[in-house]
Amino acid sequence: MKCALCNERNGSTRCEGCNTLFCLPCMNTHHDKLSQQFQLLMDVRNEIKQSLDISRSTTSNKKQVSCLIEIDAWEREIIQRIQKIAANARNNVDELMMKHMNEISDRFEQMSAQMQQQQKEGDYLENDIERIKNQLDQLKNDIKHVNEKIRVDSSLSNNIEWDTLLYIVEEESPNRVTSEPMPTKDKVTKEKKKSLSIFRSKKVKDINDSSQLVTPTNRPLAGK
């Protein structure tokens, strides 16, 4: 059978990869092409290695990782929202406190004016003294416990599942190719070994005498 490449010399060696018969010179050429193709793959591998090193360096610097930057931004936003809610609650407390204090102050002013008028006119009896005493005690008690009239209700926030507010999702690339280990010679069956010549990784040495062709069994061709 002629060489599949030059179609001039007899094919003496079969490539295990493409299952094609080549003469020795063409086998060398075929091997050179495979070496070139594999070198291109090695170049790609080296580029990936460089990209991987850069990615690892970037990952070690947390200030450059986009996901961590996003988490930091989310954290600041949540803190700002909570701070705004707390600030509004404080303003509400101040307003309610002022409202209650104004009410107590109005009652105090009215009582003071009434007492001063009664003192000026001397118009007071036992029951007036008892009534005014109770009113004064009530004012003192209201001033003392004015803060207790305001209560903070945080029951809704206690029901928030804080751990569910932020998720980390791992997405797989749809074009991801699963790497498989390179096949070994052990996977080649004995029957295939008998019919195929082993494709050596080394470049087959040129033979000056083209008539000394070698069969797959490394024996001279009949009649040669």
C-alpha atoms as a PDB file:
ATOM      1  CA  MET A   1       0.000   0.000   0.000  1.00  0.00           C
ATOM      2  CA  LYS A   2       1.351   3.401  -0.982  1.00  0.00           C
ATOM      3  CA  CYS A   3       2.136   6.170   1.475  1.00  0.00           C
ATOM      4  CA  ALA A   4      -0.963   8.272   2.118  1.00  0.00           C
ATOM      5  CA  LEU A   5       1.066  11.495   1.941  1.00  0.00           C
ATOM      6  CA  CYS A   6       3.416  11.196  -1.037  1.00  0.00           C
ATOM      7  CA  ASN A   7       1.663   8.302  -2.786  1.00  0.00           C
ATOM      8  CA  GLU A   8       5.048   7.250  -4.164  1.00  0.00           C
ATOM      9  CA  ARG A   9       6.786   5.058  -1.622  1.00  0.00           C
ATOM     10  CA  ASN A  10       5.250   2.125   0.164  1.00  0.00           C
ATOM     11  CA  GLY A  11       3.619   2.909   3.514  1.00  0.00           C
ATOM     12  CA  SER A  12       5.675   1.112   6.118  1.00  0.00           C
ATOM     13  CA  THR A  13       4.495   2.730   9.357  1.00  0.00           C
ATOM     14  CA  ARG A  14       0.992   3.374  10.587  1.00  0.00           C
ATOM     15  CA  CYS A  15       0.197   6.311  12.832  1.00  0.00           C
ATOM     16  CA  GLU A  16      -1.830   5.176  15.836  1.00  0.00           C
ATOM     17  CA  GLY A  17      -3.555   8.537  16.024  1.00  0.00           C
ATOM     18  CA  CYS A  18      -5.007   8.856  12.520  1.00  0.00           C
ATOM     19  CA  ASN A  19      -4.566   5.192  11.537  1.00  0.00           C
ATOM     20  CA  THR A  20      -2.814   6.217   8.310  1.00  0.00           C
ATOM     21  CA  LEU A  21       0.123   4.488   6.591  1.00  0.00           C
ATOM     22  CA  PHE A  22       3.206   6.609   5.855  1.00  0.00           C
ATOM     23  CA  CYS A  23       6.638   5.989   4.476  1.00  0.00           C
ATOM     24  CA  LEU A  24       9.473   6.895   6.823  1.00  0.00           C
ATOM     25  CA  PRO A  25      10.235  10.350   5.328  1.00  0.00           C
ATOM     26  CA  CYS A  26       6.555  11.250   5.297  1.00  0.00           C
ATOM     27  CA  MET A  27       6.172   9.896   8.813  1.00  0.00           C
ATOM     28  CA  ASN A  28       8.830  12.399   9.831  1.00  0.00           C
ATOM     29  CA  THR A  29       6.899  15.161   8.081  1.00  0.00           C
ATOM     30  CA  HIS A  30       3.686  14.000   9.707  1.00  0.00           C
ATOM     31  CA  HIS A  31       5.394  13.966  13.089  1.00  0.00           C
ATOM     32  CA  ASP A  32       6.774  17.485  12.476  1.00  0.00           C
ATOM     33  CA  LYS A  33       3.259  18.758  11.766  1.00  0.00           C
ATOM     34  CA  LEU A  34       1.971  17.128  14.932  1.00  0.00           C
ATOM     35  CA  SER A  35       4.845  18.689  16.862  1.00  0.00           C
ATOM     36  CA  GLN A  36       3.994  22.115  15.464  1.00  0.00           C
ATOM     37  CA  GLN A  37       0.332  21.693  16.370  1.00  0.00           C
ATOM     38  CA  PHE A  38       1.249  20.522  19.840  1.00  0.00           C
ATOM     39  CA  GLN A  39       3.613  23.474  20.249  1.00  0.00           C
ATOM     40  CA  LEU A  40       0.708  25.788  19.417  1.00  0.00           C
ATOM     41  CA  LEU A  41      -1.247  24.097  22.192  1.00  0.00           C
ATOM     42  CA  MET A  42       1.706  24.587  24.517  1.00  0.00           C
ATOM     43  CA  ASP A  43       1.706  28.284  23.626  1.00  0.00           C
ATOM     44  CA  VAL A  44      -1.979  28.484  24.529  1.00  0.00           C
ATOM     45  CA  ARG A  45      -1.217  26.619  27.736  1.00  0.00           C
ATOM     46  CA  ASN A  46       1.486  29.165  28.578  1.00  0.00           C
ATOM     47  CA  GLU A  47      -0.949  32.022  27.944  1.00  0.00           C
ATOM     48  CA  ILE A  48      -3.476  30.391  30.257  1.00  0.00           C
ATOM     49  CA  LYS A  49      -0.764  29.939  32.889  1.00  0.00           C
ATOM     50  CA  GLN A  50       0.052  33.638  32.647  1.00  0.00           C
ATOM     51  CA  SER A  51      -3.619  34.561  32.917  1.00  0.00           C
ATOM     52  CA  LEU A  52      -3.991  32.221  35.895  1.00  0.00           C
ATOM     53  CA  ASP A  53      -1.036  33.832  37.662  1.00  0.00           C
ATOM     54  CA  ILE A  54      -2.494  37.294  37.058  1.00  0.00           C
ATOM     55  CA  SER A  55      -5.910  36.117  38.270  1.00  0.00           C
ATOM     56  CA  ARG A  56      -4.397  34.641  41.432  1.00  0.00           C
ATOM     57  CA  SER A  57      -2.540  37.877  42.073  1.00  0.00           C
ATOM     58  CA  THR A  58      -5.747  39.849  41.567  1.00  0.00           C
ATOM     59  CA  THR A  59      -7.709  37.483  43.819  1.00  0.00           C
ATOM     60  CA  SER A  60      -5.177  37.902  46.611  1.00  0.00           C
ATOM     61  CA  ASN A  61      -5.775  41.650  46.416  1.00  0.00           C
ATOM     62  CA  LYS A  62      -9.332  41.888  47.748  1.00  0.00           C
ATOM     63  CA  LYS A  63      -9.644  45.486  46.590  1.00  0.00           C
ATOM     64  CA  GLN A  64      -9.616  44.270  42.973  1.00  0.00           C
ATOM     65  CA  VAL A  65     -12.123  41.395  43.241  1.00  0.00           C
ATOM     66  CA  SER A  66     -15.403  42.574  41.715  1.00  0.00           C
ATOM     67  CA  CYS A  67     -17.604  40.362  43.935  1.00  0.00           C
ATOM     68  CA  LEU A  68     -15.936  41.627  47.110  1.00  0.00           C
ATOM     69  CA  ILE A  69     -16.263  45.210  45.869  1.00  0.00           C
ATOM     70  CA  GLU A  70     -19.962  44.562  45.275  1.00  0.00           C
ATOM     71  CA  ILE A  71     -20.356  43.112  48.786  1.00  0.00           C
ATOM     72  CA  ASP A  72     -18.666  46.164  50.296  1.00  0.00           C
ATOM     73  CA  ALA A  73     -20.994  48.459  48.341  1.00  0.00           C
ATOM     74  CA  TRP A  74     -24.035  46.446  49.470  1.00  0.00           C
ATOM     75  CA  GLU A  75     -22.824  46.618  53.084  1.00  0.00           C
ATOM     76  CA  ARG A  76     -22.425  50.396  52.930  1.00  0.00           C
ATOM     77  CA  GLU A  77     -25.862  50.794  51.382  1.00  0.00           C
ATOM     78  CA  ILE A  78     -27.542  48.632  54.035  1.00  0.00           C
ATOM     79  CA  ILE A  79     -25.718  50.502  56.817  1.00  0.00           C
ATOM     80  CA  GLN A  80     -26.802  53.827  55.333  1.00  0.00           C
ATOM     81  CA  ARG A  81     -30.425  52.652  55.178  1.00  0.00           C
ATOM     82  CA  ILE A  82     -30.338  51.468  58.789  1.00  0.00           C
ATOM     83  CA  GLN A  83     -28.688  54.702  59.887  1.00  0.00           C
ATOM     84  CA  LYS A  84     -31.391  56.669  58.078  1.00  0.00           C
ATOM     85  CA  ILE A  85     -34.142  54.631  59.770  1.00  0.00           C
ATOM     86  CA  ALA A  86     -32.499  55.137  63.174  1.00  0.00           C
ATOM     87  CA  ALA A  87     -32.126  58.873  62.526  1.00  0.00           C
ATOM     88  CA  ASN A  88     -35.824  59.156  61.625  1.00  0.00           C
ATOM     89  CA  ALA A  89     -36.724  57.216  64.781  1.00  0.00           C
ATOM     90  CA  ARG A  90     -34.629  59.604  66.898  1.00  0.00           C
ATOM     91  CA  ASN A  91     -36.391  62.574  65.296  1.00  0.00           C
ATOM     92  CA  ASN A  92     -39.744  60.982  66.135  1.00  0.00           C
ATOM     93  CA  VAL A  93     -38.627  60.503  69.738  1.00  0.00           C
ATOM     94  CA  ASP A  94     -37.540  64.137  69.949  1.00  0.00           C
ATOM     95  CA  GLU A  95     -40.880  65.306  68.560  1.00  0.00           C
ATOM     96  CA  LEU A  96     -42.868  63.139  70.987  1.00  0.00           C
ATOM     97  CA  MET A  97     -40.690  64.227  73.893  1.00  0.00           C
ATOM     98  CA  MET A  98     -41.246  67.870  72.974  1.00  0.00           C
ATOM     99  CA  LYS A  99     -44.955  67.256  72.637  1.00  0.00           C
ATOM    100  CA  HIS A 100     -45.234  65.699  76.119  1.00  0.00           C
ATOM    101  CA  MET A 101     -43.006  68.348  77.696  1.00  0.00           C
ATOM    102  CA  ASN A 102     -45.107  71.110  76.125  1.00  0.00           C
ATOM    103  CA  GLU A 103     -48.266  69.491  77.506  1.00  0.00           C
ATOM    104  CA  ILE A 104     -46.722  69.296  81.004  1.00  0.00           C
ATOM    105  CA  SER A 105     -45.457  72.870  80.706  1.00  0.00           C
ATOM    106  CA  ASP A 106     -48.927  74.129  79.738  1.00  0.00           C
ATOM    107  CA  ARG A 107     -50.476  72.349  82.718  1.00  0.00           C
ATOM    108  CA  PHE A 108     -47.765  73.763  84.992  1.00  0.00           C
ATOM    109  CA  GLU A 109     -48.326  77.327  83.728  1.00  0.00           C
ATOM    110  CA  GLN A 110     -52.080  77.076  84.202  1.00  0.00           C
ATOM    111  CA  MET A 111     -51.676  75.681  87.702  1.00  0.00           C
ATOM    112  CA  SER A 112     -49.082  78.321  88.618  1.00  0.00           C
ATOM    113  CA  ALA A 113     -51.341  81.141  87.448  1.00  0.00           C
ATOM    114  CA  GLN A 114     -54.260  79.700  89.401  1.00  0.00           C
ATOM    115  CA  MET A 115     -52.203  79.237  92.571  1.00  0.00           C
ATOM    116  CA  GLN A 116     -50.766  82.749  92.332  1.00  0.00           C
ATOM    117  CA  GLN A 117     -54.257  84.169  91.902  1.00  0.00           C
ATOM    118  CA  GLN A 118     -55.594  82.196  94.865  1.00  0.00           C
ATOM    119  CA  GLN A 119     -52.597  83.232  96.975  1.00  0.00           C
ATOM    120  CA  LYS A 120     -53.115  86.865  96.052  1.00  0.00           C
ATOM    121  CA  GLU A 121     -56.792  86.757  96.918  1.00  0.00           C
ATOM    122  CA  GLY A 122     -56.415  84.380  99.858  1.00  0.00           C
ATOM    123  CA  ASP A 123     -59.202  82.362  98.309  1.00  0.00           C
ATOM    124  CA  TYR A 124     -58.458  78.777  99.169  1.00  0.00           C
ATOM    125  CA  LEU A 125     -59.882  76.122 101.411  1.00  0.00           C
ATOM    126  CA  GLU A 126     -58.853  72.689 102.700  1.00  0.00           C
ATOM    127  CA  ASN A 127     -60.194  70.925  99.655  1.00  0.00           C
ATOM    128  CA  ASP A 128     -58.315  73.360  97.336  1.00  0.00           C
ATOM    129  CA  ILE A 129     -55.053  72.598  99.112  1.00  0.00           C
ATOM    130  CA  GLU A 130     -55.628  68.846  98.752  1.00  0.00           C
ATOM    131  CA  ARG A 131     -56.555  69.213  95.076  1.00  0.00           C
ATOM    132  CA  ILE A 132     -53.529  71.381  94.291  1.00  0.00           C
ATOM    133  CA  LYS A 133     -51.264  68.959  96.165  1.00  0.00           C
ATOM    134  CA  ASN A 134     -52.503  66.065  94.039  1.00  0.00           C
ATOM    135  CA  GLN A 135     -52.014  68.083  90.853  1.00  0.00           C
ATOM    136  CA  LEU A 136     -48.459  68.992  91.846  1.00  0.00           C
ATOM    137  CA  ASP A 137     -47.677  65.355  92.649  1.00  0.00           C
ATOM    138  CA  GLN A 138     -49.081  64.385  89.261  1.00  0.00           C
ATOM    139  CA  LEU A 139     -46.871  66.947  87.519  1.00  0.00           C
ATOM    140  CA  LYS A 140     -43.764  65.687  89.301  1.00  0.00           C
ATOM    141  CA  ASN A 141     -44.629  62.115  88.414  1.00  0.00           C
ATOM    142  CA  ASP A 142     -45.288  62.992  84.762  1.00  0.00           C
ATOM    143  CA  ILE A 143     -41.964  64.822  84.484  1.00  0.00           C
ATOM    144  CA  LYS A 144     -40.139  61.919  86.105  1.00  0.00           C
ATOM    145  CA  HIS A 145     -41.658  59.305  83.814  1.00  0.00           C
ATOM    146  CA  VAL A 146     -42.042  61.348  80.640  1.00  0.00           C
ATOM    147  CA  ASN A 147     -39.522  59.081  78.857  1.00  0.00           C
ATOM    148  CA  GLU A 148     -41.563  56.005  79.678  1.00  0.00           C
ATOM    149  CA  LYS A 149     -44.443  57.216  77.557  1.00  0.00           C
ATOM    150  CA  ILE A 150     -42.392  56.505  74.443  1.00  0.00           C
ATOM    151  CA  ARG A 151     -41.608  52.911  73.492  1.00  0.00           C
ATOM    152  CA  VAL A 152     -39.457  51.513  70.694  1.00  0.00           C
ATOM    153  CA  ASP A 153     -41.147  48.765  68.675  1.00  0.00           C
ATOM    154  CA  SER A 154     -38.570  46.718  66.756  1.00  0.00           C
ATOM    155  CA  SER A 155     -40.640  43.547  66.481  1.00  0.00           C
ATOM    156  CA  LEU A 156     -40.708  43.646  62.672  1.00  0.00           C
ATOM    157  CA  SER A 157     -36.926  43.811  62.424  1.00  0.00           C
ATOM    158  CA  ASN A 158     -36.653  40.822  64.754  1.00  0.00           C
ATOM    159  CA  ASN A 159     -38.491  38.754  62.140  1.00  0.00           C
ATOM    160  CA  ILE A 160     -36.047  39.611  59.361  1.00  0.00           C
ATOM    161  CA  GLU A 161     -33.947  36.656  58.235  1.00  0.00           C
ATOM    162  CA  TRP A 162     -30.697  38.567  57.921  1.00  0.00           C
ATOM    163  CA  ASP A 163     -28.766  35.583  56.580  1.00  0.00           C
ATOM    164  CA  THR A 164     -31.032  35.503  53.514  1.00  0.00           C
ATOM    165  CA  LEU A 165     -30.492  39.117  52.487  1.00  0.00           C
ATOM    166  CA  LEU A 166     -27.323  38.306  50.573  1.00  0.00           C
ATOM    167  CA  TYR A 167     -26.550  35.194  48.547  1.00  0.00           C
ATOM    168  CA  ILE A 168     -23.367  34.070  46.824  1.00  0.00           C
ATOM    169  CA  VAL A 169     -24.143  32.221  43.574  1.00  0.00           C
ATOM    170  CA  GLU A 170     -21.622  30.169  41.635  1.00  0.00           C
ATOM    171  CA  GLU A 171     -22.357  30.114  37.924  1.00  0.00           C
ATOM    172  CA  GLU A 172     -20.841  27.648  35.479  1.00  0.00           C
ATOM    173  CA  SER A 173     -19.856  28.730  31.988  1.00  0.00           C
ATOM    174  CA  PRO A 174     -22.140  27.155  29.330  1.00  0.00           C
ATOM    175  CA  ASN A 175     -19.096  26.684  27.098  1.00  0.00           C
ATOM    176  CA  ARG A 176     -17.032  24.939  29.737  1.00  0.00           C
ATOM    177  CA  VAL A 177     -15.178  21.908  28.402  1.00  0.00           C
ATOM    178  CA  THR A 178     -14.501  19.071  30.787  1.00  0.00           C
ATOM    179  CA  SER A 179     -10.856  18.087  30.643  1.00  0.00           C
ATOM    180  CA  GLU A 180     -10.136  14.407  30.248  1.00  0.00           C
ATOM    181  CA  PRO A 181      -6.850  12.620  30.903  1.00  0.00           C
ATOM    182  CA  MET A 182      -4.762  11.787  27.860  1.00  0.00           C
ATOM    183  CA  PRO A 183      -5.146   8.149  26.753  1.00  0.00           C
ATOM    184  CA  THR A 184      -2.298   5.803  27.559  1.00  0.00           C
ATOM    185  CA  LYS A 185      -0.878   2.954  25.547  1.00  0.00           C
ATOM    186  CA  ASP A 186      -2.451   0.526  28.018  1.00  0.00           C
ATOM    187  CA  LYS A 187      -5.844   1.312  26.544  1.00  0.00           C
ATOM    188  CA  VAL A 188      -4.819  -0.014  23.143  1.00  0.00           C
ATOM    189  CA  THR A 189      -6.015  -3.573  22.741  1.00  0.00           C
ATOM    190  CA  LYS A 190      -3.642  -6.454  21.980  1.00  0.00           C
ATOM    191  CA  GLU A 191      -5.382  -7.030  18.628  1.00  0.00           C
ATOM    192  CA  LYS A 192      -4.773  -3.409  17.653  1.00  0.00           C
ATOM    193  CA  LYS A 193      -1.148  -3.640  18.727  1.00  0.00           C
ATOM    194  CA  LYS A 194      -0.672  -6.575  16.387  1.00  0.00           C
ATOM    195  CA  SER A 195      -2.025  -4.681  13.379  1.00  0.00           C
ATOM    196  CA  LEU A 196      -0.566  -1.259  14.103  1.00  0.00           C
ATOM    197  CA  SER A 197       3.007  -0.074  14.382  1.00  0.00           C
ATOM    198  CA  ILE A 198       3.805   1.862  17.522  1.00  0.00           C
ATOM    199  CA  PHE A 199       4.034   5.572  16.682  1.00  0.00           C
ATOM    200  CA  ARG A 200       7.198   6.682  18.379  1.00  0.00           C
ATOM    201  CA  SER A 201       7.343  10.068  20.037  1.00  0.00           C
ATOM    202  CA  LYS A 202      10.830  10.618  18.664  1.00  0.00           C
ATOM    203  CA  LYS A 203      11.412  11.655  15.107  1.00  0.00           C
ATOM    204  CA  VAL A 204      12.141   8.661  12.932  1.00  0.00           C
ATOM    205  CA  LYS A 205      15.659   8.898  11.561  1.00  0.00           C
ATOM    206  CA  ASP A 206      15.984   9.266   7.818  1.00  0.00           C
ATOM    207  CA  ILE A 207      17.281   6.251   5.965  1.00  0.00           C
ATOM    208  CA  ASN A 208      19.549   7.083   3.055  1.00  0.00           C
ATOM    209  CA  ASP A 209      18.634   3.966   1.149  1.00  0.00           C
ATOM    210  CA  SER A 210      14.934   4.343   0.324  1.00  0.00           C
ATOM    211  CA  SER A 211      14.786   0.689  -0.723  1.00  0.00           C
ATOM    212  CA  GLN A 212      15.285  -0.444   2.888  1.00  0.00           C
ATOM    213  CA  LEU A 213      11.658  -0.016   3.885  1.00  0.00           C
ATOM    214  CA  VAL A 214      10.420  -1.512   7.118  1.00  0.00           C
ATOM    215  CA  THR A 215       7.153  -3.323   7.667  1.00  0.00           C
ATOM    216  CA  PRO A 216       5.019  -2.885  10.788  1.00  0.00           C
ATOM    217  CA  THR A 217       6.767  -5.985  12.156  1.00  0.00           C
ATOM    218  CA  ASN A 218      10.197  -4.423  11.473  1.00  0.00           C
ATOM    219  CA  ARG A 219      11.006  -7.108   8.856  1.00  0.00           C
ATOM    220  CA  PRO A 220      12.090  -6.526   5.220  1.00  0.00           C
ATOM    221  CA  LEU A 221       9.313  -6.648   2.644  1.00  0.00           C
ATOM    222  CA  ALA A 222       9.063  -9.856   0.678  1.00  0.00           C
ATOM    223  CA  GLY A 223      11.039  -9.770  -2.525  1.00  0.00           C
ATOM    224  CA  LYS A 224      13.239  -6.874  -1.366  1.00  0.00           C
END
